[in-house]
Amino acid sequence: EIGRFASRRALSLSGGQQKLVALGRALIVGRKLLLLDEPFEGVAPALAERLIDVIGTLRGEGLSVLLSESDHVHSANLVDGLYVIERGEIAKKTAAAA
């Protein structure tokens, strides 16, 4: 899917396209854990949905994913648990709804 961006310079890609390329680059090496910092920040809704699909598929294939996200609207259905951190302290810890 990201192959179509190969001939373009990174700065000419949208924020969401850059995030897809970064995700692809992270997976090239064959990781077991993927750490994503604000993957949905500044991303158009259509690309956010695509990122959600890709992350969900990767989790289904056994990849562990750790998200750092200030807006949990997009990530709510992706997580097994949630930690809310305020001022450097864990303010809330929950398990995902079944």
PDB file of N, CA and C in Angstrom:
ATOM      1  N   GLU A   1       0.821  -1.205   0.000  1.00  0.00           N
ATOM      2  CA  GLU A   1       0.000   0.000   0.000  1.00  0.00           C
ATOM      3  C   GLU A   1       0.860   1.262   0.000  1.00  0.00           C
ATOM      4  N   ILE A   2       1.954   1.253   0.743  1.00  0.00           N
ATOM      5  CA  ILE A   2       2.787   2.452   0.806  1.00  0.00           C
ATOM      6  C   ILE A   2       3.784   2.520  -0.342  1.00  0.00           C
ATOM      7  N   GLY A   3       3.842   1.490  -1.153  1.00  0.00           N
ATOM      8  CA  GLY A   3       4.756   1.482  -2.289  1.00  0.00           C
ATOM      9  C   GLY A   3       4.514   2.629  -3.247  1.00  0.00           C
ATOM     10  N   ARG A   4       3.291   3.100  -3.314  1.00  0.00           N
ATOM     11  CA  ARG A   4       2.968   4.207  -4.230  1.00  0.00           C
ATOM     12  C   ARG A   4       3.615   5.517  -3.806  1.00  0.00           C
ATOM     13  N   PHE A   5       4.142   5.570  -2.579  1.00  0.00           N
ATOM     14  CA  PHE A   5       4.816   6.776  -2.100  1.00  0.00           C
ATOM     15  C   PHE A   5       6.316   6.755  -2.387  1.00  0.00           C
ATOM     16  N   ALA A   6       6.826   5.671  -2.942  1.00  0.00           N
ATOM     17  CA  ALA A   6       8.276   5.473  -3.089  1.00  0.00           C
ATOM     18  C   ALA A   6       8.955   6.566  -3.905  1.00  0.00           C
ATOM     19  N   SER A   7       8.291   7.085  -4.911  1.00  0.00           N
ATOM     20  CA  SER A   7       8.928   8.085  -5.771  1.00  0.00           C
ATOM     21  C   SER A   7       8.772   9.514  -5.240  1.00  0.00           C
ATOM     22  N   ARG A   8       8.044   9.666  -4.140  1.00  0.00           N
ATOM     23  CA  ARG A   8       7.800  11.003  -3.596  1.00  0.00           C
ATOM     24  C   ARG A   8       8.723  11.296  -2.424  1.00  0.00           C
ATOM     25  N   ARG A   9       9.072  12.543  -2.259  1.00  0.00           N
ATOM     26  CA  ARG A   9       9.877  12.970  -1.109  1.00  0.00           C
ATOM     27  C   ARG A   9       8.995  12.948   0.140  1.00  0.00           C
ATOM     28  N   ALA A  10       9.581  12.613   1.260  1.00  0.00           N
ATOM     29  CA  ALA A  10       8.820  12.495   2.507  1.00  0.00           C
ATOM     30  C   ALA A  10       8.071  13.784   2.844  1.00  0.00           C
ATOM     31  N   LEU A  11       8.687  14.935   2.593  1.00  0.00           N
ATOM     32  CA  LEU A  11       8.039  16.204   2.930  1.00  0.00           C
ATOM     33  C   LEU A  11       6.833  16.515   2.047  1.00  0.00           C
ATOM     34  N   SER A  12       6.700  15.815   0.917  1.00  0.00           N
ATOM     35  CA  SER A  12       5.544  16.056   0.053  1.00  0.00           C
ATOM     36  C   SER A  12       4.348  15.187   0.443  1.00  0.00           C
ATOM     37  N   LEU A  13       4.538  14.277   1.385  1.00  0.00           N
ATOM     38  CA  LEU A  13       3.446  13.416   1.840  1.00  0.00           C
ATOM     39  C   LEU A  13       2.642  14.121   2.924  1.00  0.00           C
ATOM     40  N   SER A  14       1.365  13.770   3.021  1.00  0.00           N
ATOM     41  CA  SER A  14       0.540  14.314   4.098  1.00  0.00           C
ATOM     42  C   SER A  14       1.002  13.711   5.425  1.00  0.00           C
ATOM     43  N   GLY A  15       0.535  14.288   6.514  1.00  0.00           N
ATOM     44  CA  GLY A  15       0.896  13.765   7.832  1.00  0.00           C
ATOM     45  C   GLY A  15       0.497  12.311   8.002  1.00  0.00           C
ATOM     46  N   GLY A  16      -0.695  11.969   7.539  1.00  0.00           N
ATOM     47  CA  GLY A  16      -1.161  10.586   7.640  1.00  0.00           C
ATOM     48  C   GLY A  16      -0.348   9.643   6.782  1.00  0.00           C
ATOM     49  N   GLN A  17       0.006  10.086   5.581  1.00  0.00           N
ATOM     50  CA  GLN A  17       0.833   9.260   4.703  1.00  0.00           C
ATOM     51  C   GLN A  17       2.212   9.046   5.318  1.00  0.00           C
ATOM     52  N   GLN A  18       2.759  10.082   5.942  1.00  0.00           N
ATOM     53  CA  GLN A  18       4.050   9.946   6.612  1.00  0.00           C
ATOM     54  C   GLN A  18       3.968   8.929   7.751  1.00  0.00           C
ATOM     55  N   LYS A  19       2.842   8.926   8.462  1.00  0.00           N
ATOM     56  CA  LYS A  19       2.677   7.968   9.560  1.00  0.00           C
ATOM     57  C   LYS A  19       2.573   6.544   9.031  1.00  0.00           C
ATOM     58  N   LEU A  20       1.902   6.356   7.888  1.00  0.00           N
ATOM     59  CA  LEU A  20       1.838   5.024   7.283  1.00  0.00           C
ATOM     60  C   LEU A  20       3.224   4.550   6.860  1.00  0.00           C
ATOM     61  N   VAL A  21       4.007   5.439   6.273  1.00  0.00           N
ATOM     62  CA  VAL A  21       5.374   5.089   5.863  1.00  0.00           C
ATOM     63  C   VAL A  21       6.218   4.746   7.093  1.00  0.00           C
ATOM     64  N   ALA A  22       6.100   5.533   8.155  1.00  0.00           N
ATOM     65  CA  ALA A  22       6.857   5.258   9.384  1.00  0.00           C
ATOM     66  C   ALA A  22       6.461   3.905   9.969  1.00  0.00           C
ATOM     67  N   LEU A  23       5.182   3.594   9.925  1.00  0.00           N
ATOM     68  CA  LEU A  23       4.703   2.302  10.413  1.00  0.00           C
ATOM     69  C   LEU A  23       5.299   1.172   9.581  1.00  0.00           C
ATOM     70  N   GLY A  24       5.285   1.336   8.276  1.00  0.00           N
ATOM     71  CA  GLY A  24       5.882   0.336   7.386  1.00  0.00           C
ATOM     72  C   GLY A  24       7.363   0.151   7.648  1.00  0.00           C
ATOM     73  N   ARG A  25       8.075   1.244   7.834  1.00  0.00           N
ATOM     74  CA  ARG A  25       9.518   1.172   8.115  1.00  0.00           C
ATOM     75  C   ARG A  25       9.778   0.439   9.426  1.00  0.00           C
ATOM     76  N   ALA A  26       8.945   0.683  10.419  1.00  0.00           N
ATOM     77  CA  ALA A  26       9.129   0.028  11.716  1.00  0.00           C
ATOM     78  C   ALA A  26       8.923  -1.479  11.620  1.00  0.00           C
ATOM     79  N   LEU A  27       8.104  -1.903  10.677  1.00  0.00           N
ATOM     80  CA  LEU A  27       7.775  -3.323  10.560  1.00  0.00           C
ATOM     81  C   LEU A  27       8.719  -4.092   9.650  1.00  0.00           C
ATOM     82  N   ILE A  28       9.533  -3.406   8.884  1.00  0.00           N
ATOM     83  CA  ILE A  28      10.423  -4.068   7.930  1.00  0.00           C
ATOM     84  C   ILE A  28      11.335  -5.072   8.624  1.00  0.00           C
ATOM     85  N   VAL A  29      11.820  -4.736   9.777  1.00  0.00           N
ATOM     86  CA  VAL A  29      12.813  -5.558  10.458  1.00  0.00           C
ATOM     87  C   VAL A  29      12.195  -6.789  11.120  1.00  0.00           C
ATOM     88  N   GLY A  30      10.888  -6.846  11.268  1.00  0.00           N
ATOM     89  CA  GLY A  30      10.240  -7.990  11.900  1.00  0.00           C
ATOM     90  C   GLY A  30      10.197  -7.873  13.410  1.00  0.00           C
ATOM     91  N   ARG A  31       9.583  -6.853  13.891  1.00  0.00           N
ATOM     92  CA  ARG A  31       9.510  -6.566  15.325  1.00  0.00           C
ATOM     93  C   ARG A  31       8.451  -7.425  16.025  1.00  0.00           C
ATOM     94  N   LYS A  32       8.578  -7.518  17.357  1.00  0.00           N
ATOM     95  CA  LYS A  32       7.570  -8.162  18.194  1.00  0.00           C
ATOM     96  C   LYS A  32       6.771  -7.134  18.980  1.00  0.00           C
ATOM     97  N   LEU A  33       7.348  -5.927  19.116  1.00  0.00           N
ATOM     98  CA  LEU A  33       6.701  -4.840  19.846  1.00  0.00           C
ATOM     99  C   LEU A  33       6.783  -3.579  19.006  1.00  0.00           C
ATOM    100  N   LEU A  34       5.670  -2.901  18.900  1.00  0.00           N
ATOM    101  CA  LEU A  34       5.614  -1.647  18.156  1.00  0.00           C
ATOM    102  C   LEU A  34       5.166  -0.555  19.115  1.00  0.00           C
ATOM    103  N   LEU A  35       5.963   0.483  19.263  1.00  0.00           N
ATOM    104  CA  LEU A  35       5.642   1.623  20.115  1.00  0.00           C
ATOM    105  C   LEU A  35       5.237   2.774  19.212  1.00  0.00           C
ATOM    106  N   LEU A  36       4.014   3.260  19.390  1.00  0.00           N
ATOM    107  CA  LEU A  36       3.492   4.348  18.560  1.00  0.00           C
ATOM    108  C   LEU A  36       3.170   5.545  19.444  1.00  0.00           C
ATOM    109  N   ASP A  37       3.776   6.672  19.139  1.00  0.00           N
ATOM    110  CA  ASP A  37       3.559   7.906  19.885  1.00  0.00           C
ATOM    111  C   ASP A  37       2.615   8.799  19.094  1.00  0.00           C
ATOM    112  N   GLU A  38       1.405   8.990  19.615  1.00  0.00           N
ATOM    113  CA  GLU A  38       0.389   9.844  18.988  1.00  0.00           C
ATOM    114  C   GLU A  38       0.175   9.490  17.511  1.00  0.00           C
ATOM    115  N   PRO A  39      -0.159   8.240  17.198  1.00  0.00           N
ATOM    116  CA  PRO A  39      -0.289   7.852  15.792  1.00  0.00           C
ATOM    117  C   PRO A  39      -1.443   8.537  15.053  1.00  0.00           C
ATOM    118  N   PHE A  40      -2.420   9.060  15.773  1.00  0.00           N
ATOM    119  CA  PHE A  40      -3.581   9.665  15.115  1.00  0.00           C
ATOM    120  C   PHE A  40      -3.546  11.189  15.104  1.00  0.00           C
ATOM    121  N   GLU A  41      -2.521  11.773  15.708  1.00  0.00           N
ATOM    122  CA  GLU A  41      -2.422  13.231  15.789  1.00  0.00           C
ATOM    123  C   GLU A  41      -2.229  13.836  14.399  1.00  0.00           C
ATOM    124  N   GLY A  42      -3.098  14.770  14.034  1.00  0.00           N
ATOM    125  CA  GLY A  42      -2.977  15.479  12.767  1.00  0.00           C
ATOM    126  C   GLY A  42      -3.299  14.656  11.540  1.00  0.00           C
ATOM    127  N   VAL A  43      -3.968  13.528  11.726  1.00  0.00           N
ATOM    128  CA  VAL A  43      -4.267  12.632  10.612  1.00  0.00           C
ATOM    129  C   VAL A  43      -5.724  12.814  10.193  1.00  0.00           C
ATOM    130  N   ALA A  44      -5.955  12.867   8.889  1.00  0.00           N
ATOM    131  CA  ALA A  44      -7.315  12.974   8.362  1.00  0.00           C
ATOM    132  C   ALA A  44      -8.134  11.762   8.811  1.00  0.00           C
ATOM    133  N   PRO A  45      -9.439  11.930   9.006  1.00  0.00           N
ATOM    134  CA  PRO A  45     -10.279  10.827   9.484  1.00  0.00           C
ATOM    135  C   PRO A  45     -10.163   9.538   8.661  1.00  0.00           C
ATOM    136  N   ALA A  46     -10.093   9.653   7.354  1.00  0.00           N
ATOM    137  CA  ALA A  46      -9.992   8.446   6.518  1.00  0.00           C
ATOM    138  C   ALA A  46      -8.686   7.703   6.782  1.00  0.00           C
ATOM    139  N   LEU A  47      -7.600   8.437   6.934  1.00  0.00           N
ATOM    140  CA  LEU A  47      -6.318   7.789   7.226  1.00  0.00           C
ATOM    141  C   LEU A  47      -6.274   7.270   8.658  1.00  0.00           C
ATOM    142  N   ALA A  48      -6.945   7.942   9.570  1.00  0.00           N
ATOM    143  CA  ALA A  48      -7.019   7.439  10.943  1.00  0.00           C
ATOM    144  C   ALA A  48      -7.711   6.081  10.954  1.00  0.00           C
ATOM    145  N   GLU A  49      -8.790   5.963  10.187  1.00  0.00           N
ATOM    146  CA  GLU A  49      -9.494   4.678  10.095  1.00  0.00           C
ATOM    147  C   GLU A  49      -8.594   3.607   9.501  1.00  0.00           C
ATOM    148  N   ARG A  50      -7.807   3.966   8.500  1.00  0.00           N
ATOM    149  CA  ARG A  50      -6.883   3.008   7.885  1.00  0.00           C
ATOM    150  C   ARG A  50      -5.811   2.587   8.883  1.00  0.00           C
ATOM    151  N   LEU A  51      -5.287   3.539   9.637  1.00  0.00           N
ATOM    152  CA  LEU A  51      -4.307   3.209  10.675  1.00  0.00           C
ATOM    153  C   LEU A  51      -4.906   2.271  11.720  1.00  0.00           C
ATOM    154  N   ILE A  52      -6.145   2.527  12.114  1.00  0.00           N
ATOM    155  CA  ILE A  52      -6.830   1.657  13.074  1.00  0.00           C
ATOM    156  C   ILE A  52      -6.919   0.243  12.518  1.00  0.00           C
ATOM    157  N   ASP A  53      -7.293   0.118  11.247  1.00  0.00           N
ATOM    158  CA  ASP A  53      -7.383  -1.206  10.613  1.00  0.00           C
ATOM    159  C   ASP A  53      -6.032  -1.910  10.603  1.00  0.00           C
ATOM    160  N   VAL A  54      -4.995  -1.186  10.212  1.00  0.00           N
ATOM    161  CA  VAL A  54      -3.650  -1.776  10.120  1.00  0.00           C
ATOM    162  C   VAL A  54      -3.161  -2.207  11.502  1.00  0.00           C
ATOM    163  N   ILE A  55      -3.321  -1.349  12.493  1.00  0.00           N
ATOM    164  CA  ILE A  55      -2.875  -1.683  13.848  1.00  0.00           C
ATOM    165  C   ILE A  55      -3.657  -2.878  14.382  1.00  0.00           C
ATOM    166  N   GLY A  56      -4.960  -2.897  14.139  1.00  0.00           N
ATOM    167  CA  GLY A  56      -5.782  -4.032  14.569  1.00  0.00           C
ATOM    168  C   GLY A  56      -5.346  -5.335  13.919  1.00  0.00           C
ATOM    169  N   THR A  57      -5.031  -5.285  12.635  1.00  0.00           N
ATOM    170  CA  THR A  57      -4.550  -6.472  11.922  1.00  0.00           C
ATOM    171  C   THR A  57      -3.227  -6.953  12.503  1.00  0.00           C
ATOM    172  N   LEU A  58      -2.323  -6.025  12.759  1.00  0.00           N
ATOM    173  CA  LEU A  58      -1.023  -6.385  13.331  1.00  0.00           C
ATOM    174  C   LEU A  58      -1.183  -7.031  14.703  1.00  0.00           C
ATOM    175  N   ARG A  59      -2.071  -6.499  15.504  1.00  0.00           N
ATOM    176  CA  ARG A  59      -2.337  -7.097  16.821  1.00  0.00           C
ATOM    177  C   ARG A  59      -2.892  -8.501  16.658  1.00  0.00           C
ATOM    178  N   GLY A  60      -3.770  -8.675  15.675  1.00  0.00           N
ATOM    179  CA  GLY A  60      -4.335  -9.994  15.415  1.00  0.00           C
ATOM    180  C   GLY A  60      -3.294 -11.008  14.976  1.00  0.00           C
ATOM    181  N   GLU A  61      -2.198 -10.520  14.413  1.00  0.00           N
ATOM    182  CA  GLU A  61      -1.102 -11.386  13.972  1.00  0.00           C
ATOM    183  C   GLU A  61      -0.081 -11.625  15.082  1.00  0.00           C
ATOM    184  N   GLY A  62      -0.367 -11.126  16.283  1.00  0.00           N
ATOM    185  CA  GLY A  62       0.497 -11.394  17.425  1.00  0.00           C
ATOM    186  C   GLY A  62       1.502 -10.314  17.768  1.00  0.00           C
ATOM    187  N   LEU A  63       1.477  -9.199  17.067  1.00  0.00           N
ATOM    188  CA  LEU A  63       2.395  -8.107  17.385  1.00  0.00           C
ATOM    189  C   LEU A  63       1.865  -7.347  18.598  1.00  0.00           C
ATOM    190  N   SER A  64       2.727  -7.082  19.555  1.00  0.00           N
ATOM    191  CA  SER A  64       2.352  -6.261  20.707  1.00  0.00           C
ATOM    192  C   SER A  64       2.482  -4.798  20.309  1.00  0.00           C
ATOM    193  N   VAL A  65       1.477  -4.000  20.667  1.00  0.00           N
ATOM    194  CA  VAL A  65       1.471  -2.587  20.310  1.00  0.00           C
ATOM    195  C   VAL A  65       1.261  -1.763  21.578  1.00  0.00           C
ATOM    196  N   LEU A  66       2.139  -0.803  21.794  1.00  0.00           N
ATOM    197  CA  LEU A  66       2.023   0.124  22.910  1.00  0.00           C
ATOM    198  C   LEU A  66       1.772   1.507  22.324  1.00  0.00           C
ATOM    199  N   LEU A  67       0.622   2.091  22.673  1.00  0.00           N
ATOM    200  CA  LEU A  67       0.235   3.401  22.149  1.00  0.00           C
ATOM    201  C   LEU A  67       0.381   4.470  23.221  1.00  0.00           C
ATOM    202  N   SER A  68       0.936   5.588  22.835  1.00  0.00           N
ATOM    203  CA  SER A  68       0.918   6.791  23.654  1.00  0.00           C
ATOM    204  C   SER A  68      -0.017   7.744  22.922  1.00  0.00           C
ATOM    205  N   GLU A  69      -1.172   8.005  23.504  1.00  0.00           N
ATOM    206  CA  GLU A  69      -2.204   8.743  22.776  1.00  0.00           C
ATOM    207  C   GLU A  69      -2.962   9.651  23.737  1.00  0.00           C
ATOM    208  N   SER A  70      -3.062  10.929  23.416  1.00  0.00           N
ATOM    209  CA  SER A  70      -3.812  11.851  24.267  1.00  0.00           C
ATOM    210  C   SER A  70      -5.301  11.848  23.939  1.00  0.00           C
ATOM    211  N   ASP A  71      -5.662  11.387  22.758  1.00  0.00           N
ATOM    212  CA  ASP A  71      -7.064  11.319  22.337  1.00  0.00           C
ATOM    213  C   ASP A  71      -7.432   9.850  22.186  1.00  0.00           C
ATOM    214  N   HIS A  72      -8.081   9.277  23.197  1.00  0.00           N
ATOM    215  CA  HIS A  72      -8.349   7.850  23.110  1.00  0.00           C
ATOM    216  C   HIS A  72      -9.600   7.504  22.329  1.00  0.00           C
ATOM    217  N   VAL A  73     -10.198   8.439  21.637  1.00  0.00           N
ATOM    218  CA  VAL A  73     -11.349   8.132  20.789  1.00  0.00           C
ATOM    219  C   VAL A  73     -10.950   7.134  19.707  1.00  0.00           C
ATOM    220  N   HIS A  74      -9.820   7.383  19.054  1.00  0.00           N
ATOM    221  CA  HIS A  74      -9.387   6.500  17.973  1.00  0.00           C
ATOM    222  C   HIS A  74      -8.860   5.166  18.482  1.00  0.00           C
ATOM    223  N   SER A  75      -8.238   5.172  19.630  1.00  0.00           N
ATOM    224  CA  SER A  75      -7.572   3.960  20.103  1.00  0.00           C
ATOM    225  C   SER A  75      -8.432   3.105  21.028  1.00  0.00           C
ATOM    226  N   ALA A  76      -9.624   3.559  21.363  1.00  0.00           N
ATOM    227  CA  ALA A  76     -10.454   2.860  22.348  1.00  0.00           C
ATOM    228  C   ALA A  76     -10.687   1.390  22.007  1.00  0.00           C
ATOM    229  N   ASN A  77     -10.904   1.074  20.747  1.00  0.00           N
ATOM    230  CA  ASN A  77     -11.182  -0.311  20.357  1.00  0.00           C
ATOM    231  C   ASN A  77      -9.923  -1.115  20.057  1.00  0.00           C
ATOM    232  N   LEU A  78      -8.768  -0.506  20.200  1.00  0.00           N
ATOM    233  CA  LEU A  78      -7.507  -1.185  19.908  1.00  0.00           C
ATOM    234  C   LEU A  78      -6.804  -1.702  21.155  1.00  0.00           C
ATOM    235  N   VAL A  79      -7.186  -1.222  22.313  1.00  0.00           N
ATOM    236  CA  VAL A  79      -6.384  -1.482  23.508  1.00  0.00           C
ATOM    237  C   VAL A  79      -6.975  -2.573  24.395  1.00  0.00           C
ATOM    238  N   ASP A  80      -6.077  -3.273  25.084  1.00  0.00           N
ATOM    239  CA  ASP A  80      -6.481  -4.259  26.082  1.00  0.00           C
ATOM    240  C   ASP A  80      -6.558  -3.622  27.464  1.00  0.00           C
ATOM    241  N   GLY A  81      -5.888  -2.521  27.627  1.00  0.00           N
ATOM    242  CA  GLY A  81      -5.885  -1.804  28.894  1.00  0.00           C
ATOM    243  C   GLY A  81      -5.527  -0.355  28.658  1.00  0.00           C
ATOM    244  N   LEU A  82      -5.811   0.466  29.650  1.00  0.00           N
ATOM    245  CA  LEU A  82      -5.600   1.902  29.504  1.00  0.00           C
ATOM    246  C   LEU A  82      -5.002   2.461  30.791  1.00  0.00           C
ATOM    247  N   TYR A  83      -3.965   3.249  30.643  1.00  0.00           N
ATOM    248  CA  TYR A  83      -3.375   3.987  31.756  1.00  0.00           C
ATOM    249  C   TYR A  83      -3.522   5.467  31.434  1.00  0.00           C
ATOM    250  N   VAL A  84      -4.107   6.208  32.342  1.00  0.00           N
ATOM    251  CA  VAL A  84      -4.194   7.656  32.199  1.00  0.00           C
ATOM    252  C   VAL A  84      -3.116   8.249  33.101  1.00  0.00           C
ATOM    253  N   ILE A  85      -2.225   9.022  32.496  1.00  0.00           N
ATOM    254  CA  ILE A  85      -1.120   9.617  33.247  1.00  0.00           C
ATOM    255  C   ILE A  85      -1.332  11.123  33.318  1.00  0.00           C
ATOM    256  N   GLU A  86      -1.340  11.628  34.527  1.00  0.00           N
ATOM    257  CA  GLU A  86      -1.481  13.066  34.762  1.00  0.00           C
ATOM    258  C   GLU A  86      -0.330  13.539  35.635  1.00  0.00           C
ATOM    259  N   ARG A  87       0.367  14.542  35.164  1.00  0.00           N
ATOM    260  CA  ARG A  87       1.502  15.115  35.899  1.00  0.00           C
ATOM    261  C   ARG A  87       2.518  14.049  36.299  1.00  0.00           C
ATOM    262  N   GLY A  88       2.758  13.106  35.408  1.00  0.00           N
ATOM    263  CA  GLY A  88       3.764  12.083  35.642  1.00  0.00           C
ATOM    264  C   GLY A  88       3.339  10.938  36.540  1.00  0.00           C
ATOM    265  N   GLU A  89       2.083  10.917  36.962  1.00  0.00           N
ATOM    266  CA  GLU A  89       1.568   9.864  37.842  1.00  0.00           C
ATOM    267  C   GLU A  89       0.433   9.122  37.145  1.00  0.00           C
ATOM    268  N   ILE A  90       0.319   7.827  37.416  1.00  0.00           N
ATOM    269  CA  ILE A  90      -0.806   7.063  36.879  1.00  0.00           C
ATOM    270  C   ILE A  90      -2.048   7.463  37.663  1.00  0.00           C
ATOM    271  N   ALA A  91      -2.983   8.107  36.974  1.00  0.00           N
ATOM    272  CA  ALA A  91      -4.202   8.592  37.611  1.00  0.00           C
ATOM    273  C   ALA A  91      -5.337   7.584  37.487  1.00  0.00           C
ATOM    274  N   LYS A  92      -5.260   6.724  36.478  1.00  0.00           N
ATOM    275  CA  LYS A  92      -6.342   5.773  36.241  1.00  0.00           C
ATOM    276  C   LYS A  92      -5.782   4.588  35.470  1.00  0.00           C
ATOM    277  N   LYS A  93      -6.224   3.410  35.835  1.00  0.00           N
ATOM    278  CA  LYS A  93      -5.808   2.188  35.144  1.00  0.00           C
ATOM    279  C   LYS A  93      -7.053   1.339  34.956  1.00  0.00           C
ATOM    280  N   THR A  94      -7.331   0.951  33.726  1.00  0.00           N
ATOM    281  CA  THR A  94      -8.517   0.141  33.459  1.00  0.00           C
ATOM    282  C   THR A  94      -8.180  -0.971  32.478  1.00  0.00           C
ATOM    283  N   ALA A  95      -8.963  -2.019  32.542  1.00  0.00           N
ATOM    284  CA  ALA A  95      -8.897  -3.071  31.532  1.00  0.00           C
ATOM    285  C   ALA A  95      -9.913  -2.715  30.461  1.00  0.00           C
ATOM    286  N   ALA A  96      -9.682  -3.173  29.254  1.00  0.00           N
ATOM    287  CA  ALA A  96     -10.603  -2.890  28.156  1.00  0.00           C
ATOM    288  C   ALA A  96     -11.935  -3.574  28.415  1.00  0.00           C
ATOM    289  N   ALA A  97     -12.996  -2.952  27.929  1.00  0.00           N
ATOM    290  CA  ALA A  97     -14.324  -3.550  28.047  1.00  0.00           C
ATOM    291  C   ALA A  97     -14.394  -4.787  27.169  1.00  0.00           C
ATOM    292  N   ALA A  98     -15.037  -5.821  27.671  1.00  0.00           N
ATOM    293  CA  ALA A  98     -15.131  -7.072  26.905  1.00  0.00           C
ATOM    294  C   ALA A  98     -16.218  -7.003  25.876  1.00  0.00           C
TER     295      ALA A  98
END
